[in-house]
Amino acid sequence: MDLSFLANNPQLAGIDASKLHFLSEFASKQTKATHSELLPLLFAASSTAKQKGITFSESEKEQIISLLRPTLSPSEQAKLDKMLALLKKQGF
């Protein structure tokens, strides 16, 4: 998963650097993950973040997703929407 857009992006200046670092580390570990593996990995990352006391506000989530979406193909965007709906349903 390429989250290089997180680095030094002025649109994310309001998000704490430790949160962006957490996301970058997560992405660097998932470079070979298939889409079917991604949802369990996101759940695991969410749990890890909670254990570390890292939480993202709805505004922060929306900012990150709005920057990520254009980097995805239409089918990947559809999968992202499905994953986000599942995560929301699970309370993440």
N, C-alpha and C. Protein backbone atom coordinates (compact mmCIF):
# COMPACT_ATOMS: atom_id res chain seq x y z
N MET A 1 0.84 -1.17 0.00
CA MET A 1 0.00 0.00 0.00
C MET A 1 0.89 1.24 0.00
N ASP A 2 0.65 2.11 -0.94
CA ASP A 2 1.48 3.30 -1.05
C ASP A 2 0.83 4.47 -0.33
N LEU A 3 1.40 4.86 0.77
CA LEU A 3 0.92 6.02 1.51
C LEU A 3 1.97 7.12 1.51
N SER A 4 2.74 7.17 0.43
CA SER A 4 3.80 8.18 0.36
C SER A 4 3.24 9.59 0.36
N PHE A 5 1.96 9.74 0.00
CA PHE A 5 1.35 11.06 0.01
C PHE A 5 1.25 11.64 1.42
N LEU A 6 1.46 10.82 2.43
CA LEU A 6 1.41 11.28 3.82
C LEU A 6 2.62 12.14 4.18
N ALA A 7 3.74 11.86 3.54
CA ALA A 7 4.99 12.54 3.90
C ALA A 7 4.96 13.99 3.44
N ASN A 8 5.11 14.88 4.39
CA ASN A 8 5.22 16.32 4.12
C ASN A 8 4.07 16.88 3.29
N ASN A 9 2.89 16.33 3.42
CA ASN A 9 1.74 16.82 2.68
C ASN A 9 1.12 17.97 3.47
N PRO A 10 1.08 19.17 2.89
CA PRO A 10 0.56 20.32 3.63
C PRO A 10 -0.92 20.17 4.01
N GLN A 11 -1.66 19.36 3.28
CA GLN A 11 -3.07 19.15 3.60
C GLN A 11 -3.25 18.35 4.89
N LEU A 12 -2.18 17.71 5.33
CA LEU A 12 -2.24 16.91 6.56
C LEU A 12 -1.49 17.57 7.70
N ALA A 13 -1.17 18.84 7.55
CA ALA A 13 -0.37 19.55 8.55
C ALA A 13 -1.04 19.56 9.93
N GLY A 14 -2.35 19.46 9.98
CA GLY A 14 -3.06 19.49 11.26
C GLY A 14 -3.09 18.15 11.97
N ILE A 15 -2.61 17.10 11.33
CA ILE A 15 -2.62 15.76 11.94
C ILE A 15 -1.28 15.53 12.62
N ASP A 16 -1.34 15.07 13.85
CA ASP A 16 -0.13 14.84 14.64
C ASP A 16 0.84 13.93 13.89
N ALA A 17 2.11 14.29 13.95
CA ALA A 17 3.16 13.54 13.24
C ALA A 17 3.23 12.08 13.68
N SER A 18 2.94 11.80 14.95
CA SER A 18 3.00 10.41 15.42
C SER A 18 1.92 9.56 14.76
N LYS A 19 0.78 10.16 14.46
CA LYS A 19 -0.30 9.43 13.77
C LYS A 19 0.12 9.13 12.33
N LEU A 20 0.69 10.12 11.67
CA LEU A 20 1.14 9.92 10.29
C LEU A 20 2.27 8.90 10.23
N HIS A 21 3.14 8.92 11.23
CA HIS A 21 4.22 7.93 11.30
C HIS A 21 3.64 6.52 11.48
N PHE A 22 2.64 6.38 12.33
CA PHE A 22 1.98 5.09 12.54
C PHE A 22 1.42 4.58 11.21
N LEU A 23 0.74 5.44 10.46
CA LEU A 23 0.17 5.03 9.17
C LEU A 23 1.26 4.64 8.17
N SER A 24 2.33 5.40 8.15
CA SER A 24 3.44 5.09 7.23
C SER A 24 4.07 3.75 7.56
N GLU A 25 4.26 3.47 8.84
CA GLU A 25 4.82 2.18 9.24
C GLU A 25 3.89 1.04 8.85
N PHE A 26 2.60 1.24 9.08
CA PHE A 26 1.62 0.23 8.70
C PHE A 26 1.70 -0.04 7.20
N ALA A 27 1.72 1.02 6.41
CA ALA A 27 1.75 0.87 4.95
C ALA A 27 3.02 0.16 4.49
N SER A 28 4.14 0.49 5.10
CA SER A 28 5.40 -0.12 4.67
C SER A 28 5.43 -1.62 4.95
N LYS A 29 4.68 -2.06 5.94
CA LYS A 29 4.64 -3.50 6.27
C LYS A 29 3.65 -4.25 5.39
N GLN A 30 2.78 -3.52 4.69
CA GLN A 30 1.70 -4.17 3.94
C GLN A 30 1.92 -4.13 2.43
N THR A 31 3.13 -3.91 1.98
CA THR A 31 3.37 -3.75 0.55
C THR A 31 2.99 -4.98 -0.26
N LYS A 32 2.99 -6.14 0.34
CA LYS A 32 2.68 -7.36 -0.40
C LYS A 32 1.32 -7.94 -0.02
N ALA A 33 0.55 -7.20 0.74
CA ALA A 33 -0.76 -7.70 1.16
C ALA A 33 -1.73 -7.66 -0.02
N THR A 34 -2.51 -8.73 -0.14
CA THR A 34 -3.56 -8.75 -1.15
C THR A 34 -4.78 -8.03 -0.60
N HIS A 35 -5.70 -7.71 -1.46
CA HIS A 35 -6.90 -7.01 -1.01
C HIS A 35 -7.70 -7.85 -0.01
N SER A 36 -7.69 -9.16 -0.18
CA SER A 36 -8.43 -10.01 0.75
C SER A 36 -7.78 -10.03 2.13
N GLU A 37 -6.50 -9.75 2.18
CA GLU A 37 -5.79 -9.71 3.47
C GLU A 37 -5.87 -8.34 4.13
N LEU A 38 -6.26 -7.33 3.37
CA LEU A 38 -6.20 -5.96 3.86
C LEU A 38 -7.16 -5.68 5.00
N LEU A 39 -8.39 -6.17 4.92
CA LEU A 39 -9.35 -5.89 5.99
C LEU A 39 -8.90 -6.43 7.34
N PRO A 40 -8.46 -7.69 7.42
CA PRO A 40 -7.95 -8.17 8.71
C PRO A 40 -6.74 -7.35 9.19
N LEU A 41 -5.91 -6.92 8.25
CA LEU A 41 -4.76 -6.10 8.62
C LEU A 41 -5.19 -4.74 9.16
N LEU A 42 -6.24 -4.17 8.57
CA LEU A 42 -6.76 -2.89 9.07
C LEU A 42 -7.33 -3.05 10.47
N PHE A 43 -8.04 -4.14 10.71
CA PHE A 43 -8.56 -4.40 12.07
C PHE A 43 -7.41 -4.54 13.06
N ALA A 44 -6.37 -5.26 12.66
CA ALA A 44 -5.20 -5.42 13.53
C ALA A 44 -4.52 -4.09 13.78
N ALA A 45 -4.38 -3.28 12.73
CA ALA A 45 -3.76 -1.96 12.88
C ALA A 45 -4.58 -1.08 13.80
N SER A 46 -5.88 -1.17 13.68
CA SER A 46 -6.76 -0.38 14.54
C SER A 46 -6.58 -0.78 16.00
N SER A 47 -6.49 -2.07 16.25
CA SER A 47 -6.27 -2.56 17.62
C SER A 47 -4.92 -2.10 18.15
N THR A 48 -3.89 -2.19 17.30
CA THR A 48 -2.56 -1.74 17.71
C THR A 48 -2.56 -0.25 18.03
N ALA A 49 -3.23 0.52 17.18
CA ALA A 49 -3.31 1.96 17.42
C ALA A 49 -3.98 2.26 18.76
N LYS A 50 -5.08 1.55 19.03
CA LYS A 50 -5.78 1.76 20.31
C LYS A 50 -4.88 1.42 21.49
N GLN A 51 -4.11 0.33 21.36
CA GLN A 51 -3.18 -0.05 22.44
C GLN A 51 -2.13 1.01 22.67
N LYS A 52 -1.75 1.70 21.61
CA LYS A 52 -0.72 2.75 21.71
C LYS A 52 -1.33 4.11 22.05
N GLY A 53 -2.65 4.15 22.20
CA GLY A 53 -3.32 5.40 22.52
C GLY A 53 -3.47 6.33 21.32
N ILE A 54 -3.41 5.78 20.12
CA ILE A 54 -3.54 6.57 18.91
C ILE A 54 -4.97 6.45 18.39
N THR A 55 -5.62 7.59 18.28
CA THR A 55 -6.97 7.62 17.71
C THR A 55 -7.03 8.71 16.65
N PHE A 56 -7.84 8.49 15.66
CA PHE A 56 -8.02 9.45 14.59
C PHE A 56 -9.44 10.00 14.66
N SER A 57 -9.55 11.31 14.58
CA SER A 57 -10.87 11.93 14.56
C SER A 57 -11.53 11.64 13.21
N GLU A 58 -12.83 11.84 13.14
CA GLU A 58 -13.53 11.64 11.87
C GLU A 58 -12.95 12.57 10.80
N SER A 59 -12.62 13.79 11.18
CA SER A 59 -12.04 14.75 10.25
C SER A 59 -10.70 14.26 9.72
N GLU A 60 -9.86 13.71 10.60
CA GLU A 60 -8.56 13.18 10.17
C GLU A 60 -8.73 12.00 9.22
N LYS A 61 -9.66 11.12 9.56
CA LYS A 61 -9.93 9.97 8.69
C LYS A 61 -10.37 10.43 7.31
N GLU A 62 -11.29 11.40 7.28
CA GLU A 62 -11.80 11.90 6.01
C GLU A 62 -10.69 12.55 5.18
N GLN A 63 -9.80 13.29 5.84
CA GLN A 63 -8.68 13.92 5.13
C GLN A 63 -7.80 12.87 4.47
N ILE A 64 -7.44 11.86 5.22
CA ILE A 64 -6.56 10.82 4.71
C ILE A 64 -7.22 10.06 3.56
N ILE A 65 -8.47 9.70 3.75
CA ILE A 65 -9.19 8.96 2.71
C ILE A 65 -9.36 9.80 1.45
N SER A 66 -9.63 11.10 1.62
CA SER A 66 -9.80 11.96 0.44
C SER A 66 -8.51 12.08 -0.36
N LEU A 67 -7.36 11.96 0.30
CA LEU A 67 -6.08 11.99 -0.40
C LEU A 67 -5.72 10.62 -0.99
N LEU A 68 -6.16 9.56 -0.33
CA LEU A 68 -5.87 8.21 -0.80
C LEU A 68 -6.72 7.83 -2.01
N ARG A 69 -7.99 8.20 -1.98
CA ARG A 69 -8.95 7.77 -3.01
C ARG A 69 -8.46 8.01 -4.45
N PRO A 70 -7.94 9.20 -4.80
CA PRO A 70 -7.52 9.43 -6.19
C PRO A 70 -6.34 8.56 -6.63
N THR A 71 -5.62 7.96 -5.70
CA THR A 71 -4.49 7.11 -6.06
C THR A 71 -4.92 5.69 -6.41
N LEU A 72 -6.20 5.39 -6.21
CA LEU A 72 -6.72 4.04 -6.41
C LEU A 72 -7.46 3.92 -7.74
N SER A 73 -7.48 2.71 -8.26
CA SER A 73 -8.28 2.42 -9.45
C SER A 73 -9.75 2.40 -9.04
N PRO A 74 -10.67 2.49 -10.01
CA PRO A 74 -12.10 2.43 -9.66
C PRO A 74 -12.48 1.18 -8.86
N SER A 75 -11.90 0.03 -9.21
CA SER A 75 -12.24 -1.19 -8.45
C SER A 75 -11.67 -1.13 -7.04
N GLU A 76 -10.48 -0.54 -6.89
CA GLU A 76 -9.90 -0.38 -5.55
C GLU A 76 -10.72 0.62 -4.73
N GLN A 77 -11.24 1.64 -5.38
CA GLN A 77 -12.09 2.60 -4.68
C GLN A 77 -13.36 1.93 -4.17
N ALA A 78 -13.92 1.05 -4.98
CA ALA A 78 -15.12 0.31 -4.56
C ALA A 78 -14.80 -0.59 -3.37
N LYS A 79 -13.65 -1.24 -3.41
CA LYS A 79 -13.23 -2.09 -2.29
C LYS A 79 -12.98 -1.25 -1.04
N LEU A 80 -12.39 -0.07 -1.21
CA LEU A 80 -12.18 0.83 -0.08
C LEU A 80 -13.51 1.20 0.55
N ASP A 81 -14.48 1.52 -0.28
CA ASP A 81 -15.81 1.88 0.25
C ASP A 81 -16.42 0.73 1.04
N LYS A 82 -16.25 -0.49 0.55
CA LYS A 82 -16.78 -1.66 1.26
C LYS A 82 -16.06 -1.85 2.60
N MET A 83 -14.72 -1.69 2.58
CA MET A 83 -13.96 -1.84 3.82
C MET A 83 -14.34 -0.77 4.83
N LEU A 84 -14.51 0.45 4.36
CA LEU A 84 -14.89 1.53 5.27
C LEU A 84 -16.26 1.28 5.88
N ALA A 85 -17.19 0.76 5.07
CA ALA A 85 -18.51 0.45 5.59
C ALA A 85 -18.42 -0.65 6.65
N LEU A 86 -17.60 -1.66 6.41
CA LEU A 86 -17.43 -2.74 7.39
C LEU A 86 -16.78 -2.21 8.67
N LEU A 87 -15.77 -1.37 8.52
CA LEU A 87 -15.11 -0.80 9.68
C LEU A 87 -16.07 0.05 10.50
N LYS A 88 -16.87 0.84 9.81
CA LYS A 88 -17.84 1.69 10.51
C LYS A 88 -18.87 0.84 11.24
N LYS A 89 -19.28 -0.24 10.62
CA LYS A 89 -20.25 -1.16 11.23
C LYS A 89 -19.67 -1.80 12.50
N GLN A 90 -18.34 -2.03 12.49
CA GLN A 90 -17.66 -2.63 13.62
C GLN A 90 -17.29 -1.61 14.69
N GLY A 91 -17.54 -0.34 14.40
CA GLY A 91 -17.25 0.71 15.38
C GLY A 91 -15.84 1.25 15.34
N PHE A 92 -15.14 1.04 14.24
CA PHE A 92 -13.76 1.55 14.11
C PHE A 92 -13.76 2.90 13.45
